[in-house]
Amino acid sequence: METRKVIVSLVTISGVIILTGASAIADPTGRNLAIEGRSTVPIPGVPVGTTWGGNPPNPAFPQPAHPFGGVSVYDDVVYGPGFTVRVTSDTFANHVPSIELPPGKKFGGWIKFDFTNFDPADFNNYQIDIFDIKLAGEPNYINSVEVNIGVVSSDGNGIFWSGFGSDLGGTSGARGIDVELNFPPQFVEILWTQRVPSPGGPAILALGAIVASRRRR
């Protein structure tokens, strides 16, 4: 059984008035996620680091945002389309095998970054930032994240991952000198859950703030 490194990020909202209703968006289904990937500290023989993904937009090398529930293939911005990262995402129910949503969670999602065709050993450090899972003003904050390799965290709105080229494995050589690692290419798979506060809770908080404001007058 695969062992996952887990970092849980609990988000507490205090001093903020949030009004919610039945129409509040509960998950990122149908939304485009802004992804920024960075590969830095290249090995000897590889001139510079590189980026990939749709955020921030690169006018000379435009790459679209990732549609949640779909598939994106991002090209290496510096070294060309011969090096790609394949991104897939979906809900827990559509994971293979399916993942049961923990009690008390309203939504579970996953996103997978496949570096098989990227020659990941060319760089020592990797970072991935995922934005727009939760938009400003929405109550569906991210309250737990999990990853198979590297380190992951969340601020309640987005997800941020970092790791090493040695985590990803594979072969280096297409960009520079030949370095063969002793295990096959790997992938980064991030799982997260979101919990939407009940409509009654935020309504009470807002009412309390209004009462306190009136008392100060």
C-alpha atoms as a PDB file:
ATOM      1  CA  MET A   1       0.000   0.000   0.000  1.00  0.00           C
ATOM      2  CA  GLU A   2       1.347   3.398  -0.949  1.00  0.00           C
ATOM      3  CA  THR A   3       2.338   5.637   1.929  1.00  0.00           C
ATOM      4  CA  ARG A   4       1.373   9.246   1.514  1.00  0.00           C
ATOM      5  CA  LYS A   5       3.022  12.207   3.171  1.00  0.00           C
ATOM      6  CA  VAL A   6       0.236  14.262   4.683  1.00  0.00           C
ATOM      7  CA  ILE A   7       0.087  17.896   5.688  1.00  0.00           C
ATOM      8  CA  VAL A   8      -3.267  19.096   6.946  1.00  0.00           C
ATOM      9  CA  SER A   9      -4.008  22.797   6.741  1.00  0.00           C
ATOM     10  CA  LEU A  10      -6.991  23.930   8.799  1.00  0.00           C
ATOM     11  CA  VAL A  11      -8.349  27.352   7.964  1.00  0.00           C
ATOM     12  CA  THR A  12     -10.118  29.382  10.623  1.00  0.00           C
ATOM     13  CA  ILE A  13     -12.126  32.380   9.522  1.00  0.00           C
ATOM     14  CA  SER A  14     -12.511  35.019  12.211  1.00  0.00           C
ATOM     15  CA  GLY A  15     -13.650  38.620  12.147  1.00  0.00           C
ATOM     16  CA  VAL A  16     -15.032  38.217   8.621  1.00  0.00           C
ATOM     17  CA  ILE A  17     -18.689  38.397   7.704  1.00  0.00           C
ATOM     18  CA  ILE A  18     -19.682  35.763   5.155  1.00  0.00           C
ATOM     19  CA  LEU A  19     -23.205  35.493   3.832  1.00  0.00           C
ATOM     20  CA  THR A  20     -24.048  32.250   2.103  1.00  0.00           C
ATOM     21  CA  GLY A  21     -27.107  30.731   0.511  1.00  0.00           C
ATOM     22  CA  ALA A  22     -28.226  27.653  -1.333  1.00  0.00           C
ATOM     23  CA  SER A  23     -26.704  29.031  -4.534  1.00  0.00           C
ATOM     24  CA  ALA A  24     -23.133  29.169  -3.144  1.00  0.00           C
ATOM     25  CA  ILE A  25     -20.627  27.270  -5.268  1.00  0.00           C
ATOM     26  CA  ALA A  26     -19.571  24.143  -3.392  1.00  0.00           C
ATOM     27  CA  ASP A  27     -16.664  22.926  -5.503  1.00  0.00           C
ATOM     28  CA  PRO A  28     -14.485  23.780  -8.535  1.00  0.00           C
ATOM     29  CA  THR A  29     -16.415  21.582 -11.007  1.00  0.00           C
ATOM     30  CA  GLY A  30     -16.538  23.332 -14.359  1.00  0.00           C
ATOM     31  CA  ARG A  31     -13.958  25.880 -13.291  1.00  0.00           C
ATOM     32  CA  ASN A  32     -10.586  26.621 -14.878  1.00  0.00           C
ATOM     33  CA  LEU A  33      -7.654  26.290 -12.486  1.00  0.00           C
ATOM     34  CA  ALA A  34      -4.642  28.560 -12.895  1.00  0.00           C
ATOM     35  CA  ILE A  35      -1.469  26.481 -12.613  1.00  0.00           C
ATOM     36  CA  GLU A  36       2.090  27.759 -12.342  1.00  0.00           C
ATOM     37  CA  GLY A  37       4.895  25.206 -12.550  1.00  0.00           C
ATOM     38  CA  ARG A  38       8.557  26.062 -11.988  1.00  0.00           C
ATOM     39  CA  SER A  39      11.652  23.902 -12.431  1.00  0.00           C
ATOM     40  CA  THR A  40      14.759  25.503 -10.946  1.00  0.00           C
ATOM     41  CA  VAL A  41      18.399  24.795 -10.036  1.00  0.00           C
ATOM     42  CA  PRO A  42      19.286  22.956 -13.246  1.00  0.00           C
ATOM     43  CA  ILE A  43      21.955  20.258 -13.235  1.00  0.00           C
ATOM     44  CA  PRO A  44      25.331  20.934 -14.942  1.00  0.00           C
ATOM     45  CA  GLY A  45      24.876  21.100 -18.691  1.00  0.00           C
ATOM     46  CA  VAL A  46      21.363  22.558 -18.522  1.00  0.00           C
ATOM     47  CA  PRO A  47      21.634  26.356 -19.006  1.00  0.00           C
ATOM     48  CA  VAL A  48      18.662  27.726 -17.036  1.00  0.00           C
ATOM     49  CA  GLY A  49      15.516  26.782 -15.178  1.00  0.00           C
ATOM     50  CA  THR A  50      12.115  26.783 -16.820  1.00  0.00           C
ATOM     51  CA  THR A  51       8.384  27.192 -16.295  1.00  0.00           C
ATOM     52  CA  TRP A  52       5.207  25.566 -17.553  1.00  0.00           C
ATOM     53  CA  GLY A  53       1.477  25.977 -17.063  1.00  0.00           C
ATOM     54  CA  GLY A  54      -1.052  28.682 -17.793  1.00  0.00           C
ATOM     55  CA  ASN A  55      -0.301  31.076 -14.928  1.00  0.00           C
ATOM     56  CA  PRO A  56       1.031  33.648 -15.345  1.00  0.00           C
ATOM     57  CA  PRO A  57       0.178  33.880 -19.064  1.00  0.00           C
ATOM     58  CA  ASN A  58       3.164  34.002 -21.382  1.00  0.00           C
ATOM     59  CA  PRO A  59       2.310  36.023 -24.532  1.00  0.00           C
ATOM     60  CA  ALA A  60       5.114  34.332 -26.483  1.00  0.00           C
ATOM     61  CA  PHE A  61       4.040  30.848 -25.405  1.00  0.00           C
ATOM     62  CA  PRO A  62       0.343  30.938 -24.375  1.00  0.00           C
ATOM     63  CA  GLN A  63      -0.937  27.943 -22.453  1.00  0.00           C
ATOM     64  CA  PRO A  64      -4.529  27.731 -21.244  1.00  0.00           C
ATOM     65  CA  ALA A  65      -5.743  27.263 -17.701  1.00  0.00           C
ATOM     66  CA  HIS A  66      -6.562  23.707 -16.639  1.00  0.00           C
ATOM     67  CA  PRO A  67     -10.267  22.762 -16.730  1.00  0.00           C
ATOM     68  CA  PHE A  68     -11.098  20.870 -13.540  1.00  0.00           C
ATOM     69  CA  GLY A  69     -12.304  17.404 -14.495  1.00  0.00           C
ATOM     70  CA  GLY A  70     -10.311  17.473 -17.736  1.00  0.00           C
ATOM     71  CA  VAL A  71      -6.824  16.956 -19.162  1.00  0.00           C
ATOM     72  CA  SER A  72      -4.113  19.510 -20.006  1.00  0.00           C
ATOM     73  CA  VAL A  73      -0.679  19.010 -21.572  1.00  0.00           C
ATOM     74  CA  TYR A  74       1.742  21.827 -20.755  1.00  0.00           C
ATOM     75  CA  ASP A  75       4.910  22.440 -22.731  1.00  0.00           C
ATOM     76  CA  ASP A  76       8.246  23.526 -21.316  1.00  0.00           C
ATOM     77  CA  VAL A  77       8.296  27.287 -21.962  1.00  0.00           C
ATOM     78  CA  VAL A  78      12.096  27.552 -22.302  1.00  0.00           C
ATOM     79  CA  TYR A  79      13.084  24.291 -24.006  1.00  0.00           C
ATOM     80  CA  GLY A  80      10.075  23.729 -26.233  1.00  0.00           C
ATOM     81  CA  PRO A  81       7.186  21.328 -26.759  1.00  0.00           C
ATOM     82  CA  GLY A  82       9.429  18.254 -26.696  1.00  0.00           C
ATOM     83  CA  PHE A  83       9.116  18.334 -22.901  1.00  0.00           C
ATOM     84  CA  THR A  84       5.606  18.120 -21.458  1.00  0.00           C
ATOM     85  CA  VAL A  85       3.742  17.797 -18.165  1.00  0.00           C
ATOM     86  CA  ARG A  86       0.358  16.063 -18.366  1.00  0.00           C
ATOM     87  CA  VAL A  87      -2.254  17.276 -15.855  1.00  0.00           C
ATOM     88  CA  THR A  88      -5.502  15.478 -15.004  1.00  0.00           C
ATOM     89  CA  SER A  89      -8.038  16.211 -12.268  1.00  0.00           C
ATOM     90  CA  ASP A  90     -11.459  15.171 -11.019  1.00  0.00           C
ATOM     91  CA  THR A  91     -13.555  14.354  -7.967  1.00  0.00           C
ATOM     92  CA  PHE A  92     -12.944  11.569  -5.441  1.00  0.00           C
ATOM     93  CA  ALA A  93     -15.774   9.574  -7.031  1.00  0.00           C
ATOM     94  CA  ASN A  94     -14.007   9.613 -10.402  1.00  0.00           C
ATOM     95  CA  HIS A  95     -10.592   8.618  -9.050  1.00  0.00           C
ATOM     96  CA  VAL A  96      -9.265   5.159  -9.972  1.00  0.00           C
ATOM     97  CA  PRO A  97      -9.800   3.501  -7.588  1.00  0.00           C
ATOM     98  CA  SER A  98     -12.575   5.694  -6.212  1.00  0.00           C
ATOM     99  CA  ILE A  99     -11.938   7.487  -2.911  1.00  0.00           C
ATOM    100  CA  GLU A 100     -14.576   7.691  -0.206  1.00  0.00           C
ATOM    101  CA  LEU A 101     -15.291  11.208   0.975  1.00  0.00           C
ATOM    102  CA  PRO A 102     -14.492  11.469   4.706  1.00  0.00           C
ATOM    103  CA  PRO A 103     -17.372  12.261   7.085  1.00  0.00           C
ATOM    104  CA  GLY A 104     -18.087  15.963   7.411  1.00  0.00           C
ATOM    105  CA  LYS A 105     -16.414  16.890   4.119  1.00  0.00           C
ATOM    106  CA  LYS A 106     -18.500  18.439   1.368  1.00  0.00           C
ATOM    107  CA  PHE A 107     -16.145  17.885  -1.541  1.00  0.00           C
ATOM    108  CA  GLY A 108     -13.040  15.912  -2.417  1.00  0.00           C
ATOM    109  CA  GLY A 109     -10.853  16.547  -5.454  1.00  0.00           C
ATOM    110  CA  TRP A 110      -7.563  15.317  -6.870  1.00  0.00           C
ATOM    111  CA  ILE A 111      -5.069  16.575  -9.419  1.00  0.00           C
ATOM    112  CA  LYS A 112      -2.201  14.602 -10.963  1.00  0.00           C
ATOM    113  CA  PHE A 113       0.963  15.917 -12.625  1.00  0.00           C
ATOM    114  CA  ASP A 114       2.724  13.349 -14.831  1.00  0.00           C
ATOM    115  CA  PHE A 115       6.381  14.226 -15.533  1.00  0.00           C
ATOM    116  CA  THR A 116       7.164  11.114 -17.611  1.00  0.00           C
ATOM    117  CA  ASN A 117       7.881  13.188 -20.759  1.00  0.00           C
ATOM    118  CA  PHE A 118       9.604  16.069 -18.991  1.00  0.00           C
ATOM    119  CA  ASP A 119      13.007  14.545 -18.136  1.00  0.00           C
ATOM    120  CA  PRO A 120      12.532  15.731 -14.548  1.00  0.00           C
ATOM    121  CA  ALA A 121      16.068  14.856 -13.424  1.00  0.00           C
ATOM    122  CA  ASP A 122      17.324  17.887 -15.384  1.00  0.00           C
ATOM    123  CA  PHE A 123      16.351  20.116 -12.441  1.00  0.00           C
ATOM    124  CA  ASN A 124      16.866  19.832  -8.713  1.00  0.00           C
ATOM    125  CA  ASN A 125      13.887  21.817  -7.420  1.00  0.00           C
ATOM    126  CA  TYR A 126      10.234  21.857  -8.436  1.00  0.00           C
ATOM    127  CA  GLN A 127       7.289  24.026  -7.384  1.00  0.00           C
ATOM    128  CA  ILE A 128       3.631  23.893  -8.395  1.00  0.00           C
ATOM    129  CA  ASP A 129       1.059  26.534  -7.451  1.00  0.00           C
ATOM    130  CA  ILE A 130      -2.646  25.867  -8.084  1.00  0.00           C
ATOM    131  CA  PHE A 131      -5.032  28.805  -7.899  1.00  0.00           C
ATOM    132  CA  ASP A 132      -8.802  29.350  -8.204  1.00  0.00           C
ATOM    133  CA  ILE A 133      -9.880  26.120  -6.497  1.00  0.00           C
ATOM    134  CA  LYS A 134     -11.716  28.506  -4.186  1.00  0.00           C
ATOM    135  CA  LEU A 135     -12.512  32.038  -5.282  1.00  0.00           C
ATOM    136  CA  ALA A 136     -12.521  35.075  -3.013  1.00  0.00           C
ATOM    137  CA  GLY A 137     -15.771  35.371  -1.080  1.00  0.00           C
ATOM    138  CA  GLU A 138     -16.720  31.716  -1.411  1.00  0.00           C
ATOM    139  CA  PRO A 139     -17.158  29.710   1.804  1.00  0.00           C
ATOM    140  CA  ASN A 140     -15.895  26.401   0.431  1.00  0.00           C
ATOM    141  CA  TYR A 141     -12.396  26.664   1.902  1.00  0.00           C
ATOM    142  CA  ILE A 142      -9.807  23.920   1.506  1.00  0.00           C
ATOM    143  CA  ASN A 143      -9.311  22.296   4.902  1.00  0.00           C
ATOM    144  CA  SER A 144      -7.043  19.338   4.167  1.00  0.00           C
ATOM    145  CA  VAL A 145      -4.443  18.387   1.551  1.00  0.00           C
ATOM    146  CA  GLU A 146      -2.423  15.246   0.925  1.00  0.00           C
ATOM    147  CA  VAL A 147       0.320  14.318  -1.550  1.00  0.00           C
ATOM    148  CA  ASN A 148       2.245  11.189  -2.541  1.00  0.00           C
ATOM    149  CA  ILE A 149       5.700  12.846  -2.687  1.00  0.00           C
ATOM    150  CA  GLY A 150       7.217  16.187  -1.727  1.00  0.00           C
ATOM    151  CA  VAL A 151       5.602  18.773   0.547  1.00  0.00           C
ATOM    152  CA  VAL A 152       2.156  20.324   0.099  1.00  0.00           C
ATOM    153  CA  SER A 153       0.296  23.150   1.842  1.00  0.00           C
ATOM    154  CA  SER A 154      -2.790  25.305   1.414  1.00  0.00           C
ATOM    155  CA  ASP A 155      -3.935  28.757   2.453  1.00  0.00           C
ATOM    156  CA  GLY A 156      -7.558  27.677   2.166  1.00  0.00           C
ATOM    157  CA  ASN A 157      -7.897  29.051  -1.370  1.00  0.00           C
ATOM    158  CA  GLY A 158      -5.093  27.429  -3.377  1.00  0.00           C
ATOM    159  CA  ILE A 159      -2.609  24.574  -3.105  1.00  0.00           C
ATOM    160  CA  PHE A 160       1.196  24.821  -3.167  1.00  0.00           C
ATOM    161  CA  TRP A 161       3.612  21.920  -3.710  1.00  0.00           C
ATOM    162  CA  SER A 162       7.402  21.651  -3.719  1.00  0.00           C
ATOM    163  CA  GLY A 163       9.742  18.732  -4.303  1.00  0.00           C
ATOM    164  CA  PHE A 164      12.984  17.569  -5.851  1.00  0.00           C
ATOM    165  CA  GLY A 165      13.965  16.160  -9.200  1.00  0.00           C
ATOM    166  CA  SER A 166      15.136  13.069  -7.341  1.00  0.00           C
ATOM    167  CA  ASP A 167      11.548  12.616  -6.097  1.00  0.00           C
ATOM    168  CA  LEU A 168      10.302  12.453  -9.664  1.00  0.00           C
ATOM    169  CA  GLY A 169      13.014  10.138 -10.995  1.00  0.00           C
ATOM    170  CA  GLY A 170      13.480   9.405 -14.665  1.00  0.00           C
ATOM    171  CA  THR A 171      16.322  10.154 -17.030  1.00  0.00           C
ATOM    172  CA  SER A 172      18.170  13.388 -17.707  1.00  0.00           C
ATOM    173  CA  GLY A 173      20.123  13.987 -20.859  1.00  0.00           C
ATOM    174  CA  ALA A 174      17.924  15.571 -23.506  1.00  0.00           C
ATOM    175  CA  ARG A 175      18.703  19.078 -22.195  1.00  0.00           C
ATOM    176  CA  GLY A 176      22.207  18.396 -20.891  1.00  0.00           C
ATOM    177  CA  ILE A 177      24.472  15.636 -19.594  1.00  0.00           C
ATOM    178  CA  ASP A 178      23.153  12.118 -19.104  1.00  0.00           C
ATOM    179  CA  VAL A 179      22.029  11.224 -15.588  1.00  0.00           C
ATOM    180  CA  GLU A 180      20.193   7.951 -15.026  1.00  0.00           C
ATOM    181  CA  LEU A 181      18.249   7.563 -11.788  1.00  0.00           C
ATOM    182  CA  ASN A 182      17.508   4.132 -10.397  1.00  0.00           C
ATOM    183  CA  PHE A 183      13.724   4.255 -10.434  1.00  0.00           C
ATOM    184  CA  PRO A 184      11.156   5.008 -13.118  1.00  0.00           C
ATOM    185  CA  PRO A 185       9.530   8.394 -13.700  1.00  0.00           C
ATOM    186  CA  GLN A 186       6.974   9.301 -11.083  1.00  0.00           C
ATOM    187  CA  PHE A 187       4.087  11.685 -10.712  1.00  0.00           C
ATOM    188  CA  VAL A 188       2.730  14.150  -8.206  1.00  0.00           C
ATOM    189  CA  GLU A 189      -0.825  13.444  -7.065  1.00  0.00           C
ATOM    190  CA  ILE A 190      -2.526  15.894  -4.715  1.00  0.00           C
ATOM    191  CA  LEU A 191      -5.809  15.187  -2.936  1.00  0.00           C
ATOM    192  CA  TRP A 192      -7.824  17.803  -1.079  1.00  0.00           C
ATOM    193  CA  THR A 193     -11.128  18.218   0.718  1.00  0.00           C
ATOM    194  CA  GLN A 194     -13.380  21.222   1.130  1.00  0.00           C
ATOM    195  CA  ARG A 195     -16.002  21.905   3.759  1.00  0.00           C
ATOM    196  CA  VAL A 196     -18.709  24.481   3.171  1.00  0.00           C
ATOM    197  CA  PRO A 197     -19.976  26.149   6.381  1.00  0.00           C
ATOM    198  CA  SER A 198     -23.677  25.631   6.978  1.00  0.00           C
ATOM    199  CA  PRO A 199     -25.832  28.598   5.922  1.00  0.00           C
ATOM    200  CA  GLY A 200     -26.928  29.083   9.544  1.00  0.00           C
ATOM    201  CA  GLY A 201     -23.415  29.518  10.890  1.00  0.00           C
ATOM    202  CA  PRO A 202     -22.295  32.476   8.791  1.00  0.00           C
ATOM    203  CA  ALA A 203     -25.733  34.062   9.157  1.00  0.00           C
ATOM    204  CA  ILE A 204     -25.338  34.064  12.948  1.00  0.00           C
ATOM    205  CA  LEU A 205     -21.853  35.559  12.672  1.00  0.00           C
ATOM    206  CA  ALA A 206     -23.145  38.325  10.444  1.00  0.00           C
ATOM    207  CA  LEU A 207     -26.066  39.058  12.767  1.00  0.00           C
ATOM    208  CA  GLY A 208     -23.706  39.279  15.752  1.00  0.00           C
ATOM    209  CA  ALA A 209     -21.518  41.766  13.920  1.00  0.00           C
ATOM    210  CA  ILE A 210     -24.501  43.927  13.030  1.00  0.00           C
ATOM    211  CA  VAL A 211     -25.757  43.918  16.638  1.00  0.00           C
ATOM    212  CA  ALA A 212     -22.295  44.850  17.926  1.00  0.00           C
ATOM    213  CA  SER A 213     -22.105  47.692  15.409  1.00  0.00           C
ATOM    214  CA  ARG A 214     -25.458  49.090  16.548  1.00  0.00           C
ATOM    215  CA  ARG A 215     -24.393  48.946  20.196  1.00  0.00           C
ATOM    216  CA  ARG A 216     -21.308  51.054  19.460  1.00  0.00           C
ATOM    217  CA  ARG A 217     -23.363  53.886  17.976  1.00  0.00           C
END
